[in-house]
Amino acid sequence: MSMSDYISWKWIFAFSIFFFSQEGTRAQLRDKSVISADYEQCIDRSGGITSNILNCLGVENKRLDVVLNKTYLDIYHSLPKNNGNSLEREQKAWNKKTRRRCEQDPYMAMFEGGSYTTIIYSECFLEQRVARIEWLKARRAERY
């Protein structure tokens, strides 16, 4: 097998792993009440074009950022000062951890800096925001 054959198979393998894992992720995200129907419709209309997908992700990430901040502040303002300080430290740590996690996503290395890495990075932030919103909502229900 020549080097070019190896590289071709490497890309096919990498893409198939990525595609099937992303379909699973999208199915999981659809189960979350936090994801907007507009986002799903936008992705469906994107035609698989990177710039269109990134536009959809950008809009949804901004919207989720607002939801995340509101959810966080609702909890923060309902807590006694000491517990609020603890939540604030936790939120800052979550922000740092999320950036690191998304920058080091193993799928990024598989695509070696190609244009698809921007989609992977943006989807990572989307997934992390959804998970954090759900976690905060669960904590709010427990009265933190």
N, C-alpha and C. Protein backbone atom coordinates (compact mmCIF):
# COMPACT_ATOMS: atom_id res chain seq x y z
N MET A 1 0.85 -1.18 0.00
CA MET A 1 0.00 0.00 0.00
C MET A 1 0.90 1.24 0.00
N SER A 2 0.66 2.12 -0.94
CA SER A 2 1.48 3.33 -1.03
C SER A 2 1.05 4.35 0.03
N MET A 3 1.87 5.36 0.21
CA MET A 3 1.58 6.41 1.18
C MET A 3 0.29 7.14 0.84
N SER A 4 0.04 7.41 -0.44
CA SER A 4 -1.19 8.11 -0.81
C SER A 4 -2.42 7.25 -0.55
N ASP A 5 -2.30 5.91 -0.74
CA ASP A 5 -3.41 5.02 -0.41
C ASP A 5 -3.68 5.05 1.10
N TYR A 6 -2.60 5.04 1.87
CA TYR A 6 -2.74 5.10 3.32
C TYR A 6 -3.44 6.37 3.76
N ILE A 7 -3.03 7.50 3.18
CA ILE A 7 -3.63 8.78 3.55
C ILE A 7 -5.10 8.80 3.16
N SER A 8 -5.44 8.28 1.98
CA SER A 8 -6.84 8.24 1.56
C SER A 8 -7.68 7.42 2.53
N TRP A 9 -7.19 6.24 2.89
CA TRP A 9 -7.93 5.41 3.82
C TRP A 9 -8.00 6.04 5.20
N LYS A 10 -6.92 6.73 5.57
CA LYS A 10 -6.92 7.42 6.86
C LYS A 10 -8.03 8.46 6.91
N TRP A 11 -8.19 9.22 5.83
CA TRP A 11 -9.24 10.25 5.78
C TRP A 11 -10.63 9.62 5.77
N ILE A 12 -10.79 8.56 5.01
CA ILE A 12 -12.10 7.89 4.96
C ILE A 12 -12.45 7.34 6.34
N PHE A 13 -11.50 6.72 6.98
CA PHE A 13 -11.72 6.18 8.32
C PHE A 13 -12.05 7.29 9.31
N ALA A 14 -11.25 8.35 9.28
CA ALA A 14 -11.45 9.47 10.21
C ALA A 14 -12.81 10.11 9.99
N PHE A 15 -13.17 10.32 8.73
CA PHE A 15 -14.45 10.96 8.45
C PHE A 15 -15.61 10.08 8.89
N SER A 16 -15.51 8.76 8.63
CA SER A 16 -16.62 7.88 9.02
C SER A 16 -16.79 7.84 10.53
N ILE A 17 -15.69 7.82 11.27
CA ILE A 17 -15.78 7.85 12.73
C ILE A 17 -16.42 9.16 13.17
N PHE A 18 -15.95 10.26 12.60
CA PHE A 18 -16.47 11.56 12.97
C PHE A 18 -17.96 11.67 12.62
N PHE A 19 -18.32 11.28 11.40
CA PHE A 19 -19.70 11.40 10.95
C PHE A 19 -20.65 10.63 11.86
N PHE A 20 -20.32 9.37 12.13
CA PHE A 20 -21.22 8.56 12.93
C PHE A 20 -21.27 9.03 14.38
N SER A 21 -20.17 9.52 14.91
CA SER A 21 -20.21 10.03 16.29
C SER A 21 -20.99 11.33 16.34
N GLN A 22 -20.89 12.16 15.31
CA GLN A 22 -21.62 13.43 15.28
C GLN A 22 -23.11 13.18 15.14
N GLU A 23 -23.50 12.18 14.36
CA GLU A 23 -24.92 11.87 14.24
C GLU A 23 -25.47 11.47 15.60
N GLY A 24 -24.70 10.71 16.35
CA GLY A 24 -25.12 10.34 17.70
C GLY A 24 -25.23 11.56 18.58
N THR A 25 -24.27 12.47 18.47
CA THR A 25 -24.29 13.69 19.25
C THR A 25 -25.50 14.54 18.89
N ARG A 26 -25.77 14.69 17.60
CA ARG A 26 -26.93 15.48 17.18
C ARG A 26 -28.22 14.86 17.70
N ALA A 27 -28.30 13.53 17.70
CA ALA A 27 -29.49 12.87 18.23
C ALA A 27 -29.63 13.16 19.72
N GLN A 28 -28.50 13.13 20.44
CA GLN A 28 -28.55 13.43 21.86
C GLN A 28 -28.96 14.88 22.09
N LEU A 29 -28.44 15.80 21.28
CA LEU A 29 -28.78 17.20 21.44
C LEU A 29 -30.25 17.46 21.13
N ARG A 30 -30.81 16.73 20.18
CA ARG A 30 -32.23 16.90 19.85
C ARG A 30 -33.10 16.55 21.05
N ASP A 31 -32.60 15.65 21.90
CA ASP A 31 -33.36 15.27 23.08
C ASP A 31 -33.35 16.37 24.13
N LYS A 32 -32.45 17.29 24.03
CA LYS A 32 -32.33 18.36 25.01
C LYS A 32 -33.29 19.49 24.66
N SER A 33 -34.03 19.93 25.63
CA SER A 33 -35.00 20.99 25.40
C SER A 33 -34.33 22.33 25.14
N VAL A 34 -33.04 22.42 25.39
CA VAL A 34 -32.33 23.69 25.28
C VAL A 34 -32.04 24.07 23.83
N ILE A 35 -31.86 23.08 22.96
CA ILE A 35 -31.55 23.35 21.56
C ILE A 35 -32.80 23.87 20.86
N SER A 36 -32.64 24.92 20.09
CA SER A 36 -33.79 25.51 19.41
C SER A 36 -34.14 24.76 18.12
N ALA A 37 -35.41 24.80 17.79
CA ALA A 37 -35.87 24.21 16.53
C ALA A 37 -35.26 24.97 15.35
N ASP A 38 -35.02 26.27 15.53
CA ASP A 38 -34.40 27.08 14.48
C ASP A 38 -33.02 26.54 14.12
N TYR A 39 -32.28 26.09 15.13
CA TYR A 39 -30.95 25.54 14.89
C TYR A 39 -31.04 24.28 14.03
N GLU A 40 -31.92 23.38 14.40
CA GLU A 40 -32.09 22.14 13.63
C GLU A 40 -32.48 22.45 12.19
N GLN A 41 -33.39 23.39 12.00
CA GLN A 41 -33.82 23.77 10.65
C GLN A 41 -32.67 24.40 9.88
N CYS A 42 -31.89 25.22 10.55
CA CYS A 42 -30.74 25.86 9.91
C CYS A 42 -29.74 24.81 9.44
N ILE A 43 -29.43 23.86 10.30
CA ILE A 43 -28.50 22.79 9.94
C ILE A 43 -29.05 21.99 8.76
N ASP A 44 -30.33 21.69 8.79
CA ASP A 44 -30.95 20.93 7.69
C ASP A 44 -30.86 21.69 6.38
N ARG A 45 -30.95 23.03 6.43
CA ARG A 45 -30.87 23.86 5.22
C ARG A 45 -29.44 24.18 4.80
N SER A 46 -28.47 23.83 5.61
CA SER A 46 -27.08 24.24 5.36
C SER A 46 -26.47 23.60 4.12
N GLY A 47 -27.00 22.47 3.70
CA GLY A 47 -26.47 21.78 2.54
C GLY A 47 -25.08 21.21 2.79
N GLY A 48 -24.69 21.09 4.05
CA GLY A 48 -23.37 20.55 4.38
C GLY A 48 -22.23 21.50 4.06
N ILE A 49 -22.55 22.74 3.76
CA ILE A 49 -21.53 23.74 3.42
C ILE A 49 -20.98 24.33 4.72
N THR A 50 -19.66 24.28 4.85
CA THR A 50 -19.00 24.68 6.09
C THR A 50 -19.44 26.05 6.57
N SER A 51 -19.42 27.05 5.70
CA SER A 51 -19.78 28.41 6.14
C SER A 51 -21.22 28.47 6.63
N ASN A 52 -22.13 27.73 5.98
CA ASN A 52 -23.52 27.72 6.43
C ASN A 52 -23.66 27.04 7.79
N ILE A 53 -22.96 25.93 7.96
CA ILE A 53 -23.00 25.21 9.24
C ILE A 53 -22.44 26.11 10.34
N LEU A 54 -21.34 26.79 10.06
CA LEU A 54 -20.74 27.69 11.05
C LEU A 54 -21.68 28.83 11.41
N ASN A 55 -22.42 29.34 10.43
CA ASN A 55 -23.40 30.39 10.73
C ASN A 55 -24.47 29.86 11.68
N CYS A 56 -24.97 28.66 11.41
CA CYS A 56 -25.98 28.04 12.29
C CYS A 56 -25.42 27.87 13.70
N LEU A 57 -24.21 27.33 13.78
CA LEU A 57 -23.58 27.11 15.08
C LEU A 57 -23.33 28.42 15.81
N GLY A 58 -22.92 29.44 15.08
CA GLY A 58 -22.66 30.74 15.70
C GLY A 58 -23.91 31.34 16.32
N VAL A 59 -24.99 31.30 15.58
CA VAL A 59 -26.26 31.84 16.09
C VAL A 59 -26.72 31.05 17.31
N GLU A 60 -26.66 29.73 17.23
CA GLU A 60 -27.13 28.90 18.34
C GLU A 60 -26.22 29.03 19.55
N ASN A 61 -24.91 29.12 19.33
CA ASN A 61 -23.99 29.29 20.45
C ASN A 61 -24.23 30.62 21.16
N LYS A 62 -24.49 31.67 20.41
CA LYS A 62 -24.79 32.98 21.03
C LYS A 62 -26.08 32.89 21.84
N ARG A 63 -27.10 32.24 21.27
CA ARG A 63 -28.37 32.10 21.97
C ARG A 63 -28.18 31.28 23.24
N LEU A 64 -27.44 30.18 23.14
CA LEU A 64 -27.20 29.34 24.31
C LEU A 64 -26.36 30.05 25.37
N ASP A 65 -25.48 30.92 24.94
CA ASP A 65 -24.69 31.70 25.89
C ASP A 65 -25.60 32.59 26.73
N VAL A 66 -26.60 33.18 26.10
CA VAL A 66 -27.57 34.01 26.83
C VAL A 66 -28.36 33.14 27.82
N VAL A 67 -28.81 31.97 27.37
CA VAL A 67 -29.55 31.05 28.24
C VAL A 67 -28.68 30.60 29.41
N LEU A 68 -27.42 30.26 29.12
CA LEU A 68 -26.49 29.84 30.16
C LEU A 68 -26.28 30.94 31.19
N ASN A 69 -26.03 32.16 30.73
CA ASN A 69 -25.80 33.27 31.65
C ASN A 69 -27.03 33.56 32.49
N LYS A 70 -28.20 33.52 31.88
CA LYS A 70 -29.44 33.77 32.64
C LYS A 70 -29.65 32.68 33.68
N THR A 71 -29.46 31.43 33.30
CA THR A 71 -29.63 30.32 34.23
C THR A 71 -28.65 30.45 35.39
N TYR A 72 -27.40 30.75 35.07
CA TYR A 72 -26.37 30.92 36.10
C TYR A 72 -26.74 32.06 37.05
N LEU A 73 -27.12 33.22 36.49
CA LEU A 73 -27.44 34.38 37.33
C LEU A 73 -28.68 34.15 38.18
N ASP A 74 -29.66 33.45 37.64
CA ASP A 74 -30.86 33.13 38.44
C ASP A 74 -30.47 32.34 39.68
N ILE A 75 -29.60 31.37 39.51
CA ILE A 75 -29.15 30.58 40.65
C ILE A 75 -28.27 31.42 41.57
N TYR A 76 -27.34 32.13 40.99
CA TYR A 76 -26.38 32.93 41.76
C TYR A 76 -27.10 33.92 42.69
N HIS A 77 -28.08 34.61 42.15
CA HIS A 77 -28.79 35.63 42.95
C HIS A 77 -29.72 35.03 43.99
N SER A 78 -30.01 33.76 43.88
CA SER A 78 -30.88 33.13 44.86
C SER A 78 -30.11 32.50 46.02
N LEU A 79 -28.79 32.53 45.93
CA LEU A 79 -27.95 31.86 46.93
C LEU A 79 -27.43 32.82 47.99
N PRO A 80 -27.16 32.30 49.20
CA PRO A 80 -26.44 33.10 50.18
C PRO A 80 -25.04 33.42 49.64
N LYS A 81 -24.44 34.49 50.14
CA LYS A 81 -23.16 34.99 49.63
C LYS A 81 -22.10 33.90 49.50
N ASN A 82 -21.89 33.11 50.54
CA ASN A 82 -20.83 32.09 50.50
C ASN A 82 -21.08 31.06 49.41
N ASN A 83 -22.31 30.63 49.25
CA ASN A 83 -22.62 29.66 48.21
C ASN A 83 -22.50 30.30 46.83
N GLY A 84 -22.84 31.57 46.73
CA GLY A 84 -22.69 32.29 45.46
C GLY A 84 -21.24 32.36 45.04
N ASN A 85 -20.35 32.60 46.00
CA ASN A 85 -18.92 32.65 45.69
C ASN A 85 -18.43 31.29 45.19
N SER A 86 -18.93 30.24 45.79
CA SER A 86 -18.55 28.89 45.36
C SER A 86 -19.03 28.62 43.94
N LEU A 87 -20.27 29.02 43.64
CA LEU A 87 -20.81 28.84 42.29
C LEU A 87 -20.01 29.66 41.28
N GLU A 88 -19.62 30.87 41.67
CA GLU A 88 -18.84 31.72 40.77
C GLU A 88 -17.49 31.08 40.43
N ARG A 89 -16.80 30.55 41.43
CA ARG A 89 -15.52 29.86 41.18
C ARG A 89 -15.73 28.64 40.28
N GLU A 90 -16.79 27.93 40.55
CA GLU A 90 -17.10 26.74 39.76
C GLU A 90 -17.37 27.10 38.30
N GLN A 91 -18.09 28.19 38.09
CA GLN A 91 -18.41 28.62 36.72
C GLN A 91 -17.14 29.05 35.97
N LYS A 92 -16.26 29.76 36.64
CA LYS A 92 -14.99 30.16 36.02
C LYS A 92 -14.15 28.94 35.65
N ALA A 93 -14.12 27.97 36.55
CA ALA A 93 -13.36 26.74 36.28
C ALA A 93 -13.99 26.00 35.10
N TRP A 94 -15.31 25.97 35.04
CA TRP A 94 -16.00 25.32 33.91
C TRP A 94 -15.63 25.99 32.60
N ASN A 95 -15.59 27.33 32.59
CA ASN A 95 -15.21 28.06 31.36
C ASN A 95 -13.81 27.67 30.89
N LYS A 96 -12.85 27.64 31.80
CA LYS A 96 -11.48 27.27 31.43
C LYS A 96 -11.41 25.83 30.93
N LYS A 97 -12.07 24.94 31.64
CA LYS A 97 -12.07 23.52 31.29
C LYS A 97 -12.71 23.30 29.91
N THR A 98 -13.77 24.03 29.64
CA THR A 98 -14.45 23.91 28.35
C THR A 98 -13.55 24.35 27.21
N ARG A 99 -12.88 25.47 27.37
CA ARG A 99 -11.96 25.95 26.33
C ARG A 99 -10.87 24.91 26.06
N ARG A 100 -10.28 24.39 27.13
CA ARG A 100 -9.23 23.37 26.96
C ARG A 100 -9.78 22.13 26.28
N ARG A 101 -10.93 21.68 26.74
CA ARG A 101 -11.52 20.47 26.17
C ARG A 101 -11.79 20.63 24.69
N CYS A 102 -12.34 21.77 24.29
CA CYS A 102 -12.67 21.98 22.88
C CYS A 102 -11.41 22.19 22.03
N GLU A 103 -10.41 22.85 22.59
CA GLU A 103 -9.16 23.05 21.84
C GLU A 103 -8.41 21.73 21.64
N GLN A 104 -8.61 20.78 22.56
CA GLN A 104 -7.90 19.51 22.50
C GLN A 104 -8.79 18.36 22.03
N ASP A 105 -9.91 18.69 21.43
CA ASP A 105 -10.83 17.65 20.94
C ASP A 105 -10.06 16.73 20.01
N PRO A 106 -10.11 15.41 20.23
CA PRO A 106 -9.35 14.48 19.38
C PRO A 106 -9.73 14.53 17.91
N TYR A 107 -10.96 14.91 17.60
CA TYR A 107 -11.37 15.01 16.20
C TYR A 107 -10.64 16.14 15.48
N MET A 108 -10.22 17.15 16.22
CA MET A 108 -9.49 18.26 15.60
C MET A 108 -8.19 17.75 14.98
N ALA A 109 -7.50 16.88 15.69
CA ALA A 109 -6.23 16.35 15.19
C ALA A 109 -6.45 15.47 13.97
N MET A 110 -7.58 14.77 13.93
CA MET A 110 -7.85 13.88 12.80
C MET A 110 -7.98 14.66 11.49
N PHE A 111 -8.46 15.89 11.58
CA PHE A 111 -8.64 16.68 10.37
C PHE A 111 -7.50 17.66 10.13
N GLU A 112 -6.48 17.59 10.98
CA GLU A 112 -5.21 18.30 10.80
C GLU A 112 -5.37 19.76 10.38
N GLY A 113 -6.24 20.47 11.07
CA GLY A 113 -6.36 21.91 10.82
C GLY A 113 -7.18 22.27 9.60
N GLY A 114 -7.88 21.33 9.00
CA GLY A 114 -8.73 21.63 7.84
C GLY A 114 -9.92 22.48 8.25
N SER A 115 -10.69 22.89 7.27
CA SER A 115 -11.82 23.78 7.55
C SER A 115 -12.86 23.12 8.45
N TYR A 116 -12.90 21.80 8.46
CA TYR A 116 -13.89 21.13 9.30
C TYR A 116 -13.57 21.27 10.79
N THR A 117 -12.32 21.58 11.12
CA THR A 117 -11.97 21.74 12.53
C THR A 117 -12.74 22.88 13.17
N THR A 118 -13.07 23.91 12.41
CA THR A 118 -13.86 25.02 12.98
C THR A 118 -15.26 24.55 13.36
N ILE A 119 -15.81 23.63 12.58
CA ILE A 119 -17.12 23.07 12.92
C ILE A 119 -17.01 22.23 14.19
N ILE A 120 -15.98 21.40 14.26
CA ILE A 120 -15.77 20.56 15.43
C ILE A 120 -15.65 21.42 16.68
N TYR A 121 -14.86 22.49 16.59
CA TYR A 121 -14.64 23.39 17.72
C TYR A 121 -15.96 24.04 18.15
N SER A 122 -16.72 24.54 17.20
CA SER A 122 -17.99 25.20 17.52
C SER A 122 -19.01 24.22 18.08
N GLU A 123 -19.06 23.01 17.52
CA GLU A 123 -19.98 22.00 18.05
C GLU A 123 -19.60 21.60 19.46
N CYS A 124 -18.32 21.56 19.74
CA CYS A 124 -17.87 21.24 21.09
C CYS A 124 -18.42 22.26 22.08
N PHE A 125 -18.32 23.54 21.75
CA PHE A 125 -18.85 24.58 22.63
C PHE A 125 -20.36 24.45 22.78
N LEU A 126 -21.04 24.13 21.70
CA LEU A 126 -22.48 23.95 21.76
C LEU A 126 -22.83 22.82 22.72
N GLU A 127 -22.16 21.68 22.56
CA GLU A 127 -22.41 20.53 23.43
C GLU A 127 -22.12 20.85 24.89
N GLN A 128 -21.01 21.55 25.13
CA GLN A 128 -20.64 21.89 26.50
C GLN A 128 -21.64 22.86 27.13
N ARG A 129 -22.12 23.82 26.34
CA ARG A 129 -23.13 24.76 26.86
C ARG A 129 -24.42 24.03 27.20
N VAL A 130 -24.85 23.15 26.32
CA VAL A 130 -26.08 22.39 26.58
C VAL A 130 -25.93 21.60 27.88
N ALA A 131 -24.81 20.91 28.02
CA ALA A 131 -24.59 20.10 29.21
C ALA A 131 -24.56 20.98 30.47
N ARG A 132 -23.94 22.14 30.39
CA ARG A 132 -23.85 23.02 31.55
C ARG A 132 -25.21 23.60 31.91
N ILE A 133 -25.98 23.98 30.91
CA ILE A 133 -27.33 24.51 31.18
C ILE A 133 -28.17 23.44 31.86
N GLU A 134 -28.12 22.23 31.33
CA GLU A 134 -28.89 21.13 31.93
C GLU A 134 -28.43 20.87 33.36
N TRP A 135 -27.13 20.92 33.58
CA TRP A 135 -26.58 20.69 34.92
C TRP A 135 -27.05 21.78 35.88
N LEU A 136 -26.97 23.05 35.44
CA LEU A 136 -27.40 24.15 36.29
C LEU A 136 -28.90 24.08 36.58
N LYS A 137 -29.68 23.72 35.60
CA LYS A 137 -31.12 23.58 35.82
C LYS A 137 -31.42 22.49 36.84
N ALA A 138 -30.68 21.40 36.78
CA ALA A 138 -30.86 20.33 37.75
C ALA A 138 -30.48 20.81 39.15
N ARG A 139 -29.41 21.60 39.25
CA ARG A 139 -28.99 22.13 40.54
C ARG A 139 -30.01 23.12 41.08
N ARG A 140 -30.58 23.93 40.18
CA ARG A 140 -31.60 24.91 40.59
C ARG A 140 -32.81 24.15 41.15
N ALA A 141 -33.17 23.06 40.51
CA ALA A 141 -34.30 22.26 40.99
C ALA A 141 -34.02 21.68 42.36
N GLU A 142 -32.74 21.41 42.62
CA GLU A 142 -32.35 20.89 43.95
C GLU A 142 -32.09 22.01 44.94
N ARG A 143 -32.25 23.24 44.47
CA ARG A 143 -31.98 24.44 45.31
C ARG A 143 -30.53 24.56 45.66
N TYR A 144 -29.70 24.11 44.74
CA TYR A 144 -28.24 24.17 44.85
C TYR A 144 -27.87 23.87 46.26
